[in-house]
């Protein structure tokens, strides 16, 4: 009688170590989490996260931003962006309106309170960013951005 149980291949521990030491995705995720923690900790006293700062900064423009443009800029799907916006809307920092040119679309803008909060967050972002740039050394930040920008 034949068994329907699939054969389980044992992956050697050396493969686990290889992935740990060489996986670009893992290394970028770890670095992203470390950076996020630093910015989150720095902005905690004013009540923002690094993600909220980035979202609000993406809305700092002369005209309200279409949701699709903001989602593309932040590399977020619309569902995730909508959830992030709801938190900021409840706090009165962001406003969403119907796009008069396309009633299905939504336009996003900072409220006056949102601009005040963003203004308070910017010096914090500049300080932490300067610290990280200094840690990366001469040319390091530009090289890192160029390398990461090459990943599509």
N, C-alpha and C. Protein backbone atom coordinates (compact mmCIF):
# COMPACT_ATOMS: atom_id res chain seq x y z
N UNK A 1 0.84 -1.17 0.00
CA UNK A 1 0.00 0.00 0.00
C UNK A 1 0.89 1.25 0.00
N UNK A 2 0.55 2.21 -0.86
CA UNK A 2 1.31 3.45 -0.95
C UNK A 2 0.83 4.45 0.08
N UNK A 3 1.76 5.19 0.62
CA UNK A 3 1.42 6.21 1.61
C UNK A 3 1.21 7.55 0.93
N UNK A 4 0.21 8.29 1.40
CA UNK A 4 -0.05 9.64 0.88
C UNK A 4 0.69 10.70 1.68
N UNK A 5 1.43 10.27 2.66
CA UNK A 5 2.17 11.21 3.49
C UNK A 5 3.38 11.71 2.70
N UNK A 6 3.49 13.03 2.58
CA UNK A 6 4.64 13.55 1.83
C UNK A 6 5.95 13.31 2.58
N UNK A 7 6.99 13.16 1.83
CA UNK A 7 8.30 12.99 2.41
C UNK A 7 8.78 14.37 2.87
N UNK A 8 9.21 14.41 4.10
CA UNK A 8 9.69 15.68 4.66
C UNK A 8 11.21 15.70 4.50
N UNK A 9 11.67 16.70 3.77
CA UNK A 9 13.10 16.85 3.57
C UNK A 9 13.66 17.63 4.76
N UNK A 10 14.69 17.11 5.34
CA UNK A 10 15.35 17.79 6.45
C UNK A 10 16.36 18.78 5.87
N UNK A 11 16.19 20.02 6.26
CA UNK A 11 17.12 21.06 5.80
C UNK A 11 18.24 21.13 6.82
N UNK A 12 19.47 21.02 6.36
CA UNK A 12 20.58 21.06 7.31
C UNK A 12 20.70 22.42 8.01
N UNK A 13 21.17 22.40 9.24
CA UNK A 13 21.34 23.63 10.00
C UNK A 13 22.31 24.58 9.30
N UNK A 14 23.25 24.04 8.56
CA UNK A 14 24.19 24.88 7.82
C UNK A 14 23.45 25.77 6.82
N UNK A 15 22.34 25.29 6.30
CA UNK A 15 21.52 26.11 5.38
C UNK A 15 20.87 27.26 6.15
N UNK A 16 20.42 27.00 7.36
CA UNK A 16 19.86 28.05 8.20
C UNK A 16 20.89 29.13 8.44
N UNK A 17 22.11 28.73 8.73
CA UNK A 17 23.18 29.69 8.96
C UNK A 17 23.51 30.47 7.69
N UNK A 18 23.49 29.79 6.56
CA UNK A 18 23.73 30.46 5.28
C UNK A 18 22.69 31.54 5.02
N UNK A 19 21.42 31.20 5.24
CA UNK A 19 20.34 32.19 5.05
C UNK A 19 20.52 33.34 6.04
N UNK A 20 20.78 33.02 7.30
CA UNK A 20 20.99 34.05 8.32
C UNK A 20 22.08 35.03 7.92
N UNK A 21 23.14 34.51 7.36
CA UNK A 21 24.31 35.34 7.07
C UNK A 21 24.26 36.03 5.71
N UNK A 22 23.45 35.54 4.78
CA UNK A 22 23.50 36.08 3.41
C UNK A 22 22.20 36.63 2.88
N UNK A 23 21.08 36.37 3.52
CA UNK A 23 19.77 36.79 2.99
C UNK A 23 19.63 38.31 3.01
N UNK A 24 19.60 38.91 1.83
CA UNK A 24 19.45 40.36 1.73
C UNK A 24 18.15 40.84 2.36
N UNK A 25 17.08 40.10 2.12
CA UNK A 25 15.78 40.50 2.67
C UNK A 25 15.83 40.54 4.19
N UNK A 26 16.40 39.53 4.81
CA UNK A 26 16.52 39.50 6.26
C UNK A 26 17.35 40.67 6.77
N UNK A 27 18.48 40.95 6.12
CA UNK A 27 19.35 42.04 6.57
C UNK A 27 18.68 43.40 6.40
N UNK A 28 17.97 43.60 5.32
CA UNK A 28 17.26 44.87 5.12
C UNK A 28 16.13 45.00 6.12
N UNK A 29 15.39 43.91 6.38
CA UNK A 29 14.31 43.96 7.37
C UNK A 29 14.85 44.30 8.76
N UNK A 30 15.94 43.69 9.12
CA UNK A 30 16.53 43.96 10.45
C UNK A 30 16.97 45.42 10.55
N UNK A 31 17.61 45.92 9.50
CA UNK A 31 18.05 47.32 9.50
C UNK A 31 16.84 48.25 9.54
N UNK A 32 15.80 47.92 8.77
CA UNK A 32 14.59 48.76 8.75
C UNK A 32 13.94 48.80 10.13
N UNK A 33 13.89 47.66 10.81
CA UNK A 33 13.31 47.63 12.15
C UNK A 33 14.14 48.45 13.13
N UNK A 34 15.46 48.36 13.02
CA UNK A 34 16.33 49.13 13.91
C UNK A 34 16.15 50.62 13.66
N UNK A 35 16.09 51.04 12.40
CA UNK A 35 15.87 52.45 12.09
C UNK A 35 14.50 52.90 12.59
N UNK A 36 13.49 52.09 12.35
CA UNK A 36 12.13 52.44 12.78
C UNK A 36 12.08 52.62 14.30
N UNK A 37 12.75 51.73 15.04
CA UNK A 37 12.77 51.85 16.50
C UNK A 37 13.42 53.16 16.94
N UNK A 38 14.52 53.53 16.28
CA UNK A 38 15.20 54.78 16.65
C UNK A 38 14.30 55.99 16.44
N UNK A 39 13.67 56.04 15.28
CA UNK A 39 12.79 57.18 15.00
C UNK A 39 11.53 57.13 15.87
N UNK A 40 10.98 55.93 16.08
CA UNK A 40 9.81 55.80 16.96
C UNK A 40 10.13 56.30 18.37
N UNK A 41 11.27 55.86 18.90
CA UNK A 41 11.66 56.28 20.25
C UNK A 41 11.86 57.79 20.32
N UNK A 42 12.45 58.36 19.30
CA UNK A 42 12.71 59.80 19.30
C UNK A 42 11.41 60.61 19.20
N UNK A 43 10.44 60.10 18.46
CA UNK A 43 9.20 60.85 18.25
C UNK A 43 8.11 60.52 19.27
N UNK A 44 8.36 59.53 20.09
CA UNK A 44 7.36 59.13 21.09
C UNK A 44 6.90 60.30 21.97
N UNK A 45 7.80 61.18 22.42
CA UNK A 45 7.35 62.28 23.28
C UNK A 45 6.31 63.20 22.64
N UNK A 46 6.29 63.28 21.32
CA UNK A 46 5.27 64.13 20.68
C UNK A 46 4.09 63.31 20.16
N UNK A 47 4.14 61.99 20.36
CA UNK A 47 3.00 61.15 20.01
C UNK A 47 2.91 60.72 18.56
N UNK A 48 4.03 60.61 17.89
CA UNK A 48 4.03 60.13 16.51
C UNK A 48 4.94 58.92 16.38
N UNK A 49 4.66 58.11 15.37
CA UNK A 49 5.57 57.03 14.98
C UNK A 49 6.30 57.47 13.72
N UNK A 50 7.35 56.76 13.38
CA UNK A 50 8.08 57.10 12.15
C UNK A 50 7.19 56.93 10.93
N UNK A 51 6.32 55.92 10.94
CA UNK A 51 5.40 55.71 9.82
C UNK A 51 4.41 56.85 9.68
N UNK A 52 3.90 57.35 10.81
CA UNK A 52 2.98 58.48 10.77
C UNK A 52 3.69 59.73 10.27
N UNK A 53 4.95 59.92 10.70
CA UNK A 53 5.73 61.05 10.22
C UNK A 53 5.89 60.98 8.71
N UNK A 54 6.27 59.82 8.19
CA UNK A 54 6.46 59.66 6.75
C UNK A 54 5.16 59.92 5.99
N UNK A 55 4.06 59.40 6.50
CA UNK A 55 2.77 59.61 5.87
C UNK A 55 2.40 61.09 5.87
N UNK A 56 2.56 61.72 7.01
CA UNK A 56 2.22 63.15 7.09
C UNK A 56 3.14 63.98 6.20
N UNK A 57 4.43 63.63 6.15
CA UNK A 57 5.35 64.37 5.29
C UNK A 57 4.95 64.21 3.82
N UNK A 58 4.44 63.04 3.46
CA UNK A 58 4.02 62.83 2.07
C UNK A 58 2.81 63.71 1.71
N UNK A 59 2.11 64.21 2.72
CA UNK A 59 0.96 65.09 2.49
C UNK A 59 1.32 66.56 2.54
N UNK A 60 2.58 66.85 2.84
CA UNK A 60 3.03 68.23 2.90
C UNK A 60 3.29 68.73 1.48
N UNK A 61 2.25 69.18 0.84
CA UNK A 61 2.33 69.64 -0.54
C UNK A 61 1.30 70.73 -0.75
N UNK A 62 1.45 71.51 -1.81
CA UNK A 62 0.56 72.66 -2.01
C UNK A 62 -0.91 72.28 -2.23
N UNK A 63 -1.14 71.12 -2.85
CA UNK A 63 -2.51 70.68 -3.14
C UNK A 63 -2.78 69.34 -2.45
N UNK A 64 -4.04 69.07 -2.13
CA UNK A 64 -4.35 67.75 -1.56
C UNK A 64 -3.84 66.62 -2.47
N UNK A 65 -3.39 65.56 -1.84
CA UNK A 65 -2.77 64.45 -2.57
C UNK A 65 -3.78 63.34 -2.86
N UNK A 66 -3.80 62.84 -4.08
CA UNK A 66 -4.62 61.66 -4.36
C UNK A 66 -4.09 60.45 -3.58
N UNK A 67 -5.00 59.66 -3.06
CA UNK A 67 -4.61 58.50 -2.25
C UNK A 67 -3.68 57.59 -3.03
N UNK A 68 -3.92 57.40 -4.32
CA UNK A 68 -3.08 56.49 -5.11
C UNK A 68 -1.63 56.98 -5.17
N UNK A 69 -1.41 58.28 -5.26
CA UNK A 69 -0.05 58.81 -5.28
C UNK A 69 0.66 58.59 -3.95
N UNK A 70 -0.06 58.80 -2.87
CA UNK A 70 0.54 58.61 -1.54
C UNK A 70 0.86 57.13 -1.32
N UNK A 71 -0.05 56.25 -1.71
CA UNK A 71 0.20 54.82 -1.57
C UNK A 71 1.43 54.40 -2.37
N UNK A 72 1.57 54.92 -3.58
CA UNK A 72 2.73 54.58 -4.41
C UNK A 72 4.03 55.11 -3.79
N UNK A 73 4.01 56.35 -3.32
CA UNK A 73 5.20 56.95 -2.72
C UNK A 73 5.67 56.15 -1.50
N UNK A 74 4.72 55.73 -0.68
CA UNK A 74 5.05 55.01 0.56
C UNK A 74 5.16 53.50 0.36
N UNK A 75 4.94 53.03 -0.88
CA UNK A 75 4.97 51.60 -1.19
C UNK A 75 4.02 50.82 -0.28
N UNK A 76 2.79 51.35 -0.15
CA UNK A 76 1.77 50.73 0.69
C UNK A 76 0.58 50.38 -0.19
N UNK A 77 -0.13 49.32 0.17
CA UNK A 77 -1.39 49.07 -0.52
C UNK A 77 -2.45 49.99 0.07
N UNK A 78 -3.53 50.17 -0.66
CA UNK A 78 -4.56 51.13 -0.24
C UNK A 78 -5.20 50.74 1.09
N UNK A 79 -5.34 49.47 1.35
CA UNK A 79 -5.95 49.03 2.61
C UNK A 79 -5.09 49.43 3.80
N UNK A 80 -3.80 49.20 3.69
CA UNK A 80 -2.87 49.56 4.77
C UNK A 80 -2.84 51.08 4.95
N UNK A 81 -2.83 51.80 3.82
CA UNK A 81 -2.83 53.26 3.89
C UNK A 81 -4.11 53.77 4.55
N UNK A 82 -5.24 53.20 4.19
CA UNK A 82 -6.52 53.61 4.78
C UNK A 82 -6.50 53.42 6.30
N UNK A 83 -5.97 52.29 6.76
CA UNK A 83 -5.91 52.02 8.20
C UNK A 83 -5.00 53.05 8.89
N UNK A 84 -3.87 53.37 8.27
CA UNK A 84 -2.96 54.36 8.86
C UNK A 84 -3.60 55.75 8.88
N UNK A 85 -4.34 56.08 7.84
CA UNK A 85 -5.00 57.38 7.78
C UNK A 85 -6.07 57.54 8.85
N UNK A 86 -6.81 56.47 9.13
CA UNK A 86 -7.89 56.55 10.11
C UNK A 86 -7.38 57.01 11.47
N UNK A 87 -6.21 56.52 11.86
CA UNK A 87 -5.62 56.92 13.15
C UNK A 87 -5.34 58.42 13.14
N UNK A 88 -4.76 58.91 12.07
CA UNK A 88 -4.42 60.34 11.97
C UNK A 88 -5.67 61.20 11.83
N UNK A 89 -6.67 60.68 11.15
CA UNK A 89 -7.94 61.42 11.02
C UNK A 89 -8.63 61.56 12.38
N UNK A 90 -8.65 60.48 13.15
CA UNK A 90 -9.27 60.54 14.49
C UNK A 90 -8.58 61.56 15.37
N UNK A 91 -7.30 61.75 15.17
CA UNK A 91 -6.54 62.72 15.96
C UNK A 91 -6.65 64.13 15.39
N UNK A 92 -7.34 64.27 14.26
CA UNK A 92 -7.52 65.58 13.65
C UNK A 92 -6.30 66.11 12.93
N UNK A 93 -5.40 65.21 12.52
CA UNK A 93 -4.15 65.62 11.88
C UNK A 93 -4.23 65.57 10.35
N UNK A 94 -5.13 64.75 9.85
CA UNK A 94 -5.28 64.54 8.41
C UNK A 94 -6.76 64.57 8.08
N UNK A 95 -7.07 65.06 6.88
CA UNK A 95 -8.45 65.10 6.41
C UNK A 95 -8.53 64.42 5.05
N UNK A 96 -9.55 63.61 4.87
CA UNK A 96 -9.81 62.93 3.60
C UNK A 96 -11.10 63.49 3.02
N UNK A 97 -11.03 63.86 1.73
CA UNK A 97 -12.22 64.36 1.04
C UNK A 97 -12.39 63.62 -0.28
N UNK A 98 -13.60 63.72 -0.83
CA UNK A 98 -13.88 63.12 -2.13
C UNK A 98 -13.22 63.98 -3.20
N UNK A 99 -12.62 63.31 -4.18
CA UNK A 99 -12.00 64.01 -5.30
C UNK A 99 -13.10 64.54 -6.22
N UNK A 100 -13.22 65.87 -6.39
CA UNK A 100 -14.31 66.40 -7.22
C UNK A 100 -14.17 66.01 -8.69
N UNK A 101 -12.97 65.64 -9.13
CA UNK A 101 -12.77 65.23 -10.52
C UNK A 101 -13.13 63.77 -10.75
N UNK A 102 -13.09 62.98 -9.67
CA UNK A 102 -13.42 61.56 -9.75
C UNK A 102 -13.99 61.15 -8.41
N UNK A 103 -15.30 61.08 -8.31
CA UNK A 103 -15.99 60.84 -7.05
C UNK A 103 -15.56 59.53 -6.37
N UNK A 104 -14.95 58.63 -7.12
CA UNK A 104 -14.47 57.38 -6.52
C UNK A 104 -13.16 57.59 -5.77
N UNK A 105 -12.43 58.64 -6.13
CA UNK A 105 -11.12 58.89 -5.54
C UNK A 105 -11.20 59.70 -4.26
N UNK A 106 -10.13 59.66 -3.50
CA UNK A 106 -10.03 60.41 -2.26
C UNK A 106 -8.78 61.30 -2.31
N UNK A 107 -8.95 62.50 -1.75
CA UNK A 107 -7.84 63.44 -1.64
C UNK A 107 -7.46 63.56 -0.17
N UNK A 108 -6.18 63.65 0.10
CA UNK A 108 -5.67 63.69 1.47
C UNK A 108 -4.92 64.99 1.70
N UNK A 109 -5.13 65.56 2.89
CA UNK A 109 -4.39 66.77 3.23
C UNK A 109 -4.18 66.83 4.73
N UNK A 110 -3.11 67.55 5.10
CA UNK A 110 -2.86 67.81 6.50
C UNK A 110 -3.81 68.90 6.98
N UNK A 111 -4.30 68.77 8.19
CA UNK A 111 -5.07 69.85 8.82
C UNK A 111 -4.07 70.84 9.42
N UNK A 112 -4.55 71.94 9.95
CA UNK A 112 -3.66 72.88 10.63
C UNK A 112 -2.96 72.20 11.81
N UNK A 113 -3.72 71.39 12.57
CA UNK A 113 -3.10 70.65 13.68
C UNK A 113 -2.06 69.66 13.16
N UNK A 114 -2.34 69.06 12.01
CA UNK A 114 -1.38 68.15 11.40
C UNK A 114 -0.10 68.85 11.02
N UNK A 115 -0.22 70.06 10.46
CA UNK A 115 0.97 70.83 10.09
C UNK A 115 1.75 71.24 11.33
N UNK A 116 1.05 71.58 12.39
CA UNK A 116 1.72 71.92 13.65
C UNK A 116 2.49 70.71 14.18
N UNK A 117 1.87 69.54 14.14
CA UNK A 117 2.52 68.31 14.60
C UNK A 117 3.72 67.98 13.72
N UNK A 118 3.57 68.11 12.42
CA UNK A 118 4.67 67.83 11.51
C UNK A 118 5.83 68.80 11.75
N UNK A 119 5.51 70.04 12.02
CA UNK A 119 6.54 71.05 12.33
C UNK A 119 7.30 70.70 13.60
N UNK A 120 6.61 70.13 14.58
CA UNK A 120 7.26 69.71 15.82
C UNK A 120 8.13 68.47 15.59
N UNK A 121 7.71 67.61 14.67
CA UNK A 121 8.43 66.36 14.41
C UNK A 121 9.68 66.57 13.56
N UNK A 122 9.66 67.57 12.69
CA UNK A 122 10.77 67.74 11.75
C UNK A 122 12.13 67.92 12.43
N UNK A 123 12.26 68.76 13.46
CA UNK A 123 13.58 68.87 14.10
C UNK A 123 14.05 67.55 14.72
N UNK A 124 13.12 66.74 15.20
CA UNK A 124 13.47 65.44 15.77
C UNK A 124 14.01 64.55 14.65
N UNK A 125 13.30 64.52 13.53
CA UNK A 125 13.72 63.72 12.39
C UNK A 125 15.11 64.16 11.93
N UNK A 126 15.33 65.47 11.83
CA UNK A 126 16.63 66.00 11.38
C UNK A 126 17.75 65.56 12.32
N UNK A 127 17.51 65.63 13.63
CA UNK A 127 18.53 65.25 14.60
C UNK A 127 18.89 63.77 14.49
N UNK A 128 17.86 62.91 14.49
CA UNK A 128 18.12 61.47 14.43
C UNK A 128 18.76 61.11 13.09
N UNK A 129 18.28 61.72 12.03
CA UNK A 129 18.85 61.45 10.71
C UNK A 129 20.32 61.84 10.66
N UNK A 130 20.67 62.98 11.24
CA UNK A 130 22.07 63.42 11.27
C UNK A 130 22.92 62.44 12.07
N UNK A 131 22.39 61.92 13.16
CA UNK A 131 23.12 60.94 13.97
C UNK A 131 23.40 59.67 13.15
N UNK A 132 22.40 59.21 12.44
CA UNK A 132 22.56 57.99 11.63
C UNK A 132 23.54 58.25 10.49
N UNK A 133 23.41 59.40 9.83
CA UNK A 133 24.34 59.75 8.76
C UNK A 133 25.78 59.74 9.27
N UNK A 134 25.99 60.30 10.46
CA UNK A 134 27.34 60.33 11.03
C UNK A 134 27.85 58.92 11.31
N UNK A 135 26.99 58.05 11.78
CA UNK A 135 27.38 56.67 12.05
C UNK A 135 27.77 55.94 10.77
N UNK A 136 27.10 56.27 9.66
CA UNK A 136 27.39 55.60 8.39
C UNK A 136 28.66 56.14 7.73
N UNK A 137 29.11 57.30 8.17
CA UNK A 137 30.37 57.85 7.67
C UNK A 137 30.23 58.58 6.34
N UNK A 138 31.35 59.16 5.93
CA UNK A 138 31.42 59.96 4.70
C UNK A 138 30.97 59.13 3.50
N UNK A 139 29.95 59.62 2.81
CA UNK A 139 29.46 58.95 1.61
C UNK A 139 28.56 57.76 1.87
N UNK A 140 28.52 57.27 3.11
CA UNK A 140 27.72 56.09 3.44
C UNK A 140 26.24 56.26 3.19
N UNK A 141 25.64 57.36 3.67
CA UNK A 141 24.19 57.52 3.46
C UNK A 141 23.80 57.57 1.98
N UNK A 142 24.56 58.31 1.18
CA UNK A 142 24.23 58.42 -0.25
C UNK A 142 24.41 57.07 -0.94
N UNK A 143 25.47 56.36 -0.58
CA UNK A 143 25.71 55.05 -1.18
C UNK A 143 24.60 54.06 -0.79
N UNK A 144 24.21 54.09 0.46
CA UNK A 144 23.14 53.21 0.92
C UNK A 144 21.83 53.51 0.20
N UNK A 145 21.48 54.80 0.10
CA UNK A 145 20.24 55.16 -0.60
C UNK A 145 20.30 54.70 -2.06
N UNK A 146 21.44 54.89 -2.72
CA UNK A 146 21.58 54.48 -4.11
C UNK A 146 21.45 52.96 -4.25
N UNK A 147 22.07 52.24 -3.35
CA UNK A 147 21.98 50.79 -3.40
C UNK A 147 20.55 50.32 -3.19
N UNK A 148 19.89 50.85 -2.16
CA UNK A 148 18.52 50.44 -1.88
C UNK A 148 17.59 50.86 -3.01
N UNK A 149 17.85 52.03 -3.60
CA UNK A 149 17.03 52.51 -4.71
C UNK A 149 17.14 51.64 -5.94
N UNK A 150 18.21 50.89 -6.04
CA UNK A 150 18.40 50.00 -7.19
C UNK A 150 17.58 48.72 -7.10
N UNK A 151 17.01 48.46 -5.95
CA UNK A 151 16.20 47.24 -5.78
C UNK A 151 14.79 47.53 -6.23
N UNK A 152 14.33 46.80 -7.20
CA UNK A 152 12.98 47.00 -7.75
C UNK A 152 12.14 45.78 -7.55
